[in-house]
């Protein structure tokens, strides 16, 4: 499994991300945080850009990095539940991606 940062680098014309190459599954994870609550989601895509599965949940972690981490856990659970082994994870939280890939210490 690999994790990549899909940081926002300007406006895009397409709503969905570029699909992964076959036979990979791409799981995008993200979180939204408000003053005292947070929520996260994970969406799985195939090589044709079709949504295979998605999940979302509220989190008791209003801290942004914790919420992004909980969203990554949702994505991992999705991959486990569907028994996918060739998975690429994409997140806009560079701190999380760097920790996942071993290029940074856990904050």
N, C-alpha and C. Protein backbone atom coordinates (compact mmCIF):
# COMPACT_ATOMS: atom_id res chain seq x y z
N UNK A 1 0.84 -1.17 0.00
CA UNK A 1 0.00 0.00 0.00
C UNK A 1 0.89 1.23 0.00
N UNK A 2 0.43 2.26 -0.66
CA UNK A 2 1.18 3.51 -0.76
C UNK A 2 0.26 4.66 -0.40
N UNK A 3 0.85 5.75 0.09
CA UNK A 3 0.07 6.95 0.37
C UNK A 3 0.71 8.11 -0.37
N UNK A 4 -0.12 8.93 -0.95
CA UNK A 4 0.32 10.11 -1.68
C UNK A 4 -0.44 11.32 -1.20
N UNK A 5 0.18 12.48 -1.31
CA UNK A 5 -0.51 13.71 -0.96
C UNK A 5 -1.17 14.25 -2.21
N UNK A 6 -2.45 14.54 -2.12
CA UNK A 6 -3.19 15.14 -3.22
C UNK A 6 -3.50 16.58 -2.88
N UNK A 7 -2.50 17.31 -2.43
CA UNK A 7 -2.70 18.68 -1.99
C UNK A 7 -3.35 19.53 -3.06
N UNK A 8 -4.03 20.55 -2.60
CA UNK A 8 -4.75 21.44 -3.51
C UNK A 8 -3.76 22.37 -4.19
N UNK A 9 -3.68 22.31 -5.51
CA UNK A 9 -2.73 23.14 -6.25
C UNK A 9 -3.44 23.99 -7.29
N UNK A 10 -4.62 24.45 -6.97
CA UNK A 10 -5.37 25.26 -7.91
C UNK A 10 -6.68 24.61 -8.27
N UNK A 11 -7.45 25.29 -9.07
CA UNK A 11 -8.76 24.78 -9.47
C UNK A 11 -8.62 23.67 -10.48
N UNK A 12 -9.54 22.73 -10.39
CA UNK A 12 -9.58 21.63 -11.34
C UNK A 12 -10.94 21.62 -12.01
N UNK A 13 -10.97 21.19 -13.26
CA UNK A 13 -12.23 21.12 -13.99
C UNK A 13 -13.02 19.86 -13.67
N UNK A 14 -12.36 18.83 -13.20
CA UNK A 14 -13.02 17.57 -12.90
C UNK A 14 -13.26 17.46 -11.41
N UNK A 15 -14.36 16.85 -11.05
CA UNK A 15 -14.68 16.67 -9.64
C UNK A 15 -13.94 15.48 -9.05
N UNK A 16 -13.74 14.44 -9.84
CA UNK A 16 -13.11 13.25 -9.31
C UNK A 16 -11.61 13.27 -9.61
N UNK A 17 -10.84 12.54 -8.80
CA UNK A 17 -9.39 12.49 -9.04
C UNK A 17 -9.08 11.60 -10.24
N UNK A 18 -7.86 11.71 -10.78
CA UNK A 18 -7.49 10.79 -11.86
C UNK A 18 -7.52 9.35 -11.33
N UNK A 19 -8.00 8.41 -12.11
CA UNK A 19 -8.08 7.03 -11.64
C UNK A 19 -6.70 6.40 -11.54
N UNK A 20 -6.58 5.36 -10.74
CA UNK A 20 -5.30 4.66 -10.64
C UNK A 20 -5.11 3.73 -11.83
N UNK A 21 -3.87 3.32 -12.10
CA UNK A 21 -3.67 2.32 -13.16
C UNK A 21 -4.17 0.96 -12.70
N UNK A 22 -4.66 0.15 -13.63
CA UNK A 22 -5.10 -1.21 -13.30
C UNK A 22 -3.89 -2.01 -12.82
N UNK A 23 -3.99 -2.86 -11.88
CA UNK A 23 -5.17 -3.32 -11.14
C UNK A 23 -5.37 -2.60 -9.82
N UNK A 24 -4.78 -1.43 -9.66
CA UNK A 24 -4.82 -0.71 -8.39
C UNK A 24 -6.19 -0.13 -8.09
N UNK A 25 -6.47 0.03 -6.81
CA UNK A 25 -7.63 0.75 -6.30
C UNK A 25 -7.09 1.99 -5.62
N UNK A 26 -7.70 3.15 -5.88
CA UNK A 26 -7.30 4.38 -5.19
C UNK A 26 -8.35 4.71 -4.15
N UNK A 27 -7.89 4.96 -2.93
CA UNK A 27 -8.79 5.38 -1.86
C UNK A 27 -8.40 6.79 -1.44
N UNK A 28 -9.30 7.73 -1.69
CA UNK A 28 -9.11 9.11 -1.26
C UNK A 28 -9.69 9.25 0.14
N UNK A 29 -8.94 9.88 1.03
CA UNK A 29 -9.42 10.11 2.39
C UNK A 29 -9.33 11.60 2.70
N UNK A 30 -10.28 12.08 3.49
CA UNK A 30 -10.27 13.49 3.89
C UNK A 30 -11.10 13.66 5.14
N UNK A 31 -10.86 14.76 5.83
CA UNK A 31 -11.61 15.09 7.04
C UNK A 31 -12.00 16.55 7.00
N UNK A 32 -13.08 16.87 7.69
CA UNK A 32 -13.53 18.25 7.87
C UNK A 32 -13.65 18.49 9.36
N UNK A 33 -13.18 19.64 9.81
CA UNK A 33 -13.13 19.94 11.24
C UNK A 33 -13.86 21.24 11.52
N UNK A 34 -14.68 21.20 12.58
CA UNK A 34 -15.32 22.41 13.09
C UNK A 34 -14.88 22.57 14.54
N UNK A 35 -15.39 23.57 15.21
CA UNK A 35 -14.94 23.92 16.56
C UNK A 35 -14.88 22.73 17.51
N UNK A 36 -15.92 21.93 17.57
CA UNK A 36 -15.95 20.85 18.56
C UNK A 36 -16.27 19.49 17.96
N UNK A 37 -16.17 19.37 16.65
CA UNK A 37 -16.46 18.09 16.03
C UNK A 37 -15.72 17.96 14.70
N UNK A 38 -15.69 16.75 14.21
CA UNK A 38 -15.04 16.49 12.93
C UNK A 38 -15.73 15.31 12.26
N UNK A 39 -15.50 15.18 10.98
CA UNK A 39 -16.02 14.04 10.22
C UNK A 39 -15.00 13.70 9.15
N UNK A 40 -15.04 12.47 8.72
CA UNK A 40 -14.11 12.03 7.68
C UNK A 40 -14.80 11.10 6.71
N UNK A 41 -14.13 10.89 5.59
CA UNK A 41 -14.68 10.02 4.57
C UNK A 41 -13.55 9.34 3.81
N UNK A 42 -13.90 8.22 3.20
CA UNK A 42 -12.98 7.50 2.32
C UNK A 42 -13.79 7.04 1.10
N UNK A 43 -13.22 7.26 -0.09
CA UNK A 43 -13.88 6.87 -1.34
C UNK A 43 -12.90 6.03 -2.15
N UNK A 44 -13.35 4.86 -2.58
CA UNK A 44 -12.51 3.95 -3.37
C UNK A 44 -12.90 4.04 -4.84
N UNK A 45 -11.89 4.14 -5.72
CA UNK A 45 -12.07 4.28 -7.17
C UNK A 45 -11.34 3.16 -7.89
N UNK A 46 -11.89 2.71 -9.01
CA UNK A 46 -11.18 1.74 -9.84
C UNK A 46 -10.48 2.46 -10.99
N UNK A 47 -9.86 1.68 -11.89
CA UNK A 47 -9.08 2.27 -12.99
C UNK A 47 -9.94 2.99 -14.02
N UNK A 48 -11.26 2.80 -13.98
CA UNK A 48 -12.17 3.48 -14.90
C UNK A 48 -12.75 4.75 -14.29
N UNK A 49 -12.35 5.08 -13.07
CA UNK A 49 -12.88 6.25 -12.39
C UNK A 49 -14.24 6.01 -11.76
N UNK A 50 -14.62 4.75 -11.64
CA UNK A 50 -15.91 4.40 -11.03
C UNK A 50 -15.73 4.24 -9.52
N UNK A 51 -16.70 4.76 -8.77
CA UNK A 51 -16.67 4.61 -7.32
C UNK A 51 -17.05 3.17 -6.98
N UNK A 52 -16.17 2.50 -6.25
CA UNK A 52 -16.41 1.12 -5.83
C UNK A 52 -17.09 1.05 -4.47
N UNK A 53 -16.71 1.96 -3.59
CA UNK A 53 -17.26 1.96 -2.23
C UNK A 53 -16.92 3.29 -1.58
N UNK A 54 -17.68 3.63 -0.57
CA UNK A 54 -17.37 4.83 0.21
C UNK A 54 -17.89 4.64 1.62
N UNK A 55 -17.31 5.40 2.52
CA UNK A 55 -17.73 5.38 3.91
C UNK A 55 -17.46 6.75 4.51
N UNK A 56 -18.21 7.11 5.53
CA UNK A 56 -18.03 8.37 6.23
C UNK A 56 -18.43 8.17 7.68
N UNK A 57 -17.85 8.98 8.56
CA UNK A 57 -18.17 8.85 9.98
C UNK A 57 -17.83 10.15 10.71
N UNK A 58 -18.56 10.45 11.78
CA UNK A 58 -18.18 11.56 12.65
C UNK A 58 -17.04 11.12 13.57
N UNK A 59 -16.21 12.07 13.98
CA UNK A 59 -15.10 11.78 14.88
C UNK A 59 -15.16 12.72 16.08
N UNK A 60 -14.74 12.25 17.23
CA UNK A 60 -14.68 13.13 18.40
C UNK A 60 -13.34 13.87 18.49
N UNK A 61 -12.65 14.04 17.37
CA UNK A 61 -11.33 14.66 17.37
C UNK A 61 -11.34 15.96 16.57
N UNK A 62 -11.54 17.11 17.21
CA UNK A 62 -11.52 18.37 16.45
C UNK A 62 -10.12 18.81 16.05
N UNK A 63 -9.10 18.08 16.46
CA UNK A 63 -7.72 18.37 16.04
C UNK A 63 -7.55 17.89 14.60
N UNK A 64 -7.14 18.77 13.66
CA UNK A 64 -7.09 18.40 12.24
C UNK A 64 -6.28 17.14 11.92
N UNK A 65 -5.07 17.02 12.46
CA UNK A 65 -4.25 15.85 12.12
C UNK A 65 -4.89 14.57 12.65
N UNK A 66 -5.50 14.63 13.82
CA UNK A 66 -6.18 13.44 14.37
C UNK A 66 -7.38 13.07 13.50
N UNK A 67 -8.12 14.07 13.03
CA UNK A 67 -9.27 13.79 12.16
C UNK A 67 -8.81 13.20 10.83
N UNK A 68 -7.74 13.73 10.26
CA UNK A 68 -7.20 13.18 9.01
C UNK A 68 -6.72 11.74 9.22
N UNK A 69 -6.12 11.48 10.38
CA UNK A 69 -5.66 10.13 10.70
C UNK A 69 -6.85 9.18 10.83
N UNK A 70 -7.91 9.64 11.47
CA UNK A 70 -9.12 8.81 11.60
C UNK A 70 -9.74 8.55 10.22
N UNK A 71 -9.67 9.53 9.32
CA UNK A 71 -10.16 9.32 7.95
C UNK A 71 -9.31 8.27 7.23
N UNK A 72 -8.00 8.30 7.45
CA UNK A 72 -7.13 7.27 6.86
C UNK A 72 -7.51 5.89 7.40
N UNK A 73 -7.84 5.82 8.68
CA UNK A 73 -8.28 4.55 9.26
C UNK A 73 -9.56 4.06 8.58
N UNK A 74 -10.48 4.97 8.26
CA UNK A 74 -11.67 4.58 7.50
C UNK A 74 -11.28 3.95 6.16
N UNK A 75 -10.31 4.56 5.49
CA UNK A 75 -9.85 4.03 4.21
C UNK A 75 -9.20 2.66 4.36
N UNK A 76 -8.41 2.49 5.40
CA UNK A 76 -7.79 1.19 5.66
C UNK A 76 -8.84 0.12 5.95
N UNK A 77 -9.85 0.49 6.71
CA UNK A 77 -10.93 -0.45 7.01
C UNK A 77 -11.69 -0.82 5.74
N UNK A 78 -11.89 0.16 4.85
CA UNK A 78 -12.56 -0.11 3.58
C UNK A 78 -11.76 -1.13 2.76
N UNK A 79 -10.44 -0.92 2.67
CA UNK A 79 -9.58 -1.85 1.93
C UNK A 79 -9.63 -3.24 2.56
N UNK A 80 -9.61 -3.30 3.87
CA UNK A 80 -9.68 -4.59 4.55
C UNK A 80 -11.02 -5.27 4.31
N UNK A 81 -12.10 -4.52 4.44
CA UNK A 81 -13.44 -5.10 4.29
C UNK A 81 -13.67 -5.68 2.90
N UNK A 82 -13.07 -5.07 1.88
CA UNK A 82 -13.23 -5.56 0.51
C UNK A 82 -12.06 -6.45 0.06
N UNK A 83 -11.13 -6.70 0.96
CA UNK A 83 -9.97 -7.57 0.70
C UNK A 83 -9.14 -7.08 -0.50
N UNK A 84 -8.99 -5.76 -0.64
CA UNK A 84 -8.15 -5.21 -1.70
C UNK A 84 -6.70 -5.21 -1.22
N UNK A 85 -5.79 -5.67 -2.06
CA UNK A 85 -4.38 -5.70 -1.67
C UNK A 85 -3.54 -4.69 -2.46
N UNK A 86 -3.97 -4.30 -3.64
CA UNK A 86 -3.25 -3.31 -4.44
C UNK A 86 -3.97 -1.98 -4.31
N UNK A 87 -3.58 -1.22 -3.28
CA UNK A 87 -4.30 0.00 -2.93
C UNK A 87 -3.34 1.17 -2.83
N UNK A 88 -3.74 2.30 -3.39
CA UNK A 88 -3.04 3.57 -3.25
C UNK A 88 -3.94 4.47 -2.43
N UNK A 89 -3.41 5.07 -1.38
CA UNK A 89 -4.18 6.02 -0.58
C UNK A 89 -3.76 7.43 -0.95
N UNK A 90 -4.73 8.33 -1.01
CA UNK A 90 -4.45 9.73 -1.33
C UNK A 90 -5.09 10.59 -0.27
N UNK A 91 -4.30 11.54 0.25
CA UNK A 91 -4.76 12.46 1.29
C UNK A 91 -4.18 13.84 1.01
N UNK A 92 -4.90 14.87 1.45
CA UNK A 92 -4.37 16.23 1.31
C UNK A 92 -3.61 16.66 2.56
N UNK A 93 -3.42 15.75 3.50
CA UNK A 93 -2.70 16.04 4.75
C UNK A 93 -1.25 15.55 4.60
N UNK A 94 -0.36 16.45 4.22
CA UNK A 94 1.02 16.08 3.95
C UNK A 94 1.70 15.49 5.19
N UNK A 95 1.39 16.01 6.39
CA UNK A 95 1.98 15.45 7.61
C UNK A 95 1.64 13.97 7.75
N UNK A 96 0.39 13.62 7.51
CA UNK A 96 -0.05 12.23 7.60
C UNK A 96 0.65 11.37 6.55
N UNK A 97 0.72 11.85 5.33
CA UNK A 97 1.35 11.10 4.24
C UNK A 97 2.83 10.87 4.54
N UNK A 98 3.52 11.90 5.02
CA UNK A 98 4.94 11.75 5.34
C UNK A 98 5.15 10.75 6.48
N UNK A 99 4.29 10.77 7.48
CA UNK A 99 4.39 9.78 8.56
C UNK A 99 4.12 8.38 8.03
N UNK A 100 3.11 8.25 7.20
CA UNK A 100 2.75 6.94 6.62
C UNK A 100 3.92 6.36 5.83
N UNK A 101 4.57 7.21 5.05
CA UNK A 101 5.67 6.76 4.19
C UNK A 101 7.00 6.66 4.93
N UNK A 102 7.01 7.02 6.21
CA UNK A 102 8.23 6.91 7.01
C UNK A 102 9.22 8.02 6.80
N UNK A 103 8.81 9.13 6.18
CA UNK A 103 9.73 10.23 5.93
C UNK A 103 9.57 11.36 6.95
N UNK A 104 8.79 11.13 8.00
CA UNK A 104 8.62 12.13 9.06
C UNK A 104 8.26 11.41 10.35
N UNK A 105 8.54 12.08 11.45
CA UNK A 105 8.17 11.56 12.77
C UNK A 105 6.71 11.86 13.03
N UNK A 106 6.08 11.00 13.80
CA UNK A 106 4.69 11.24 14.20
C UNK A 106 4.66 12.47 15.09
N UNK A 107 3.77 13.45 14.78
CA UNK A 107 3.73 14.68 15.59
C UNK A 107 3.23 14.42 17.00
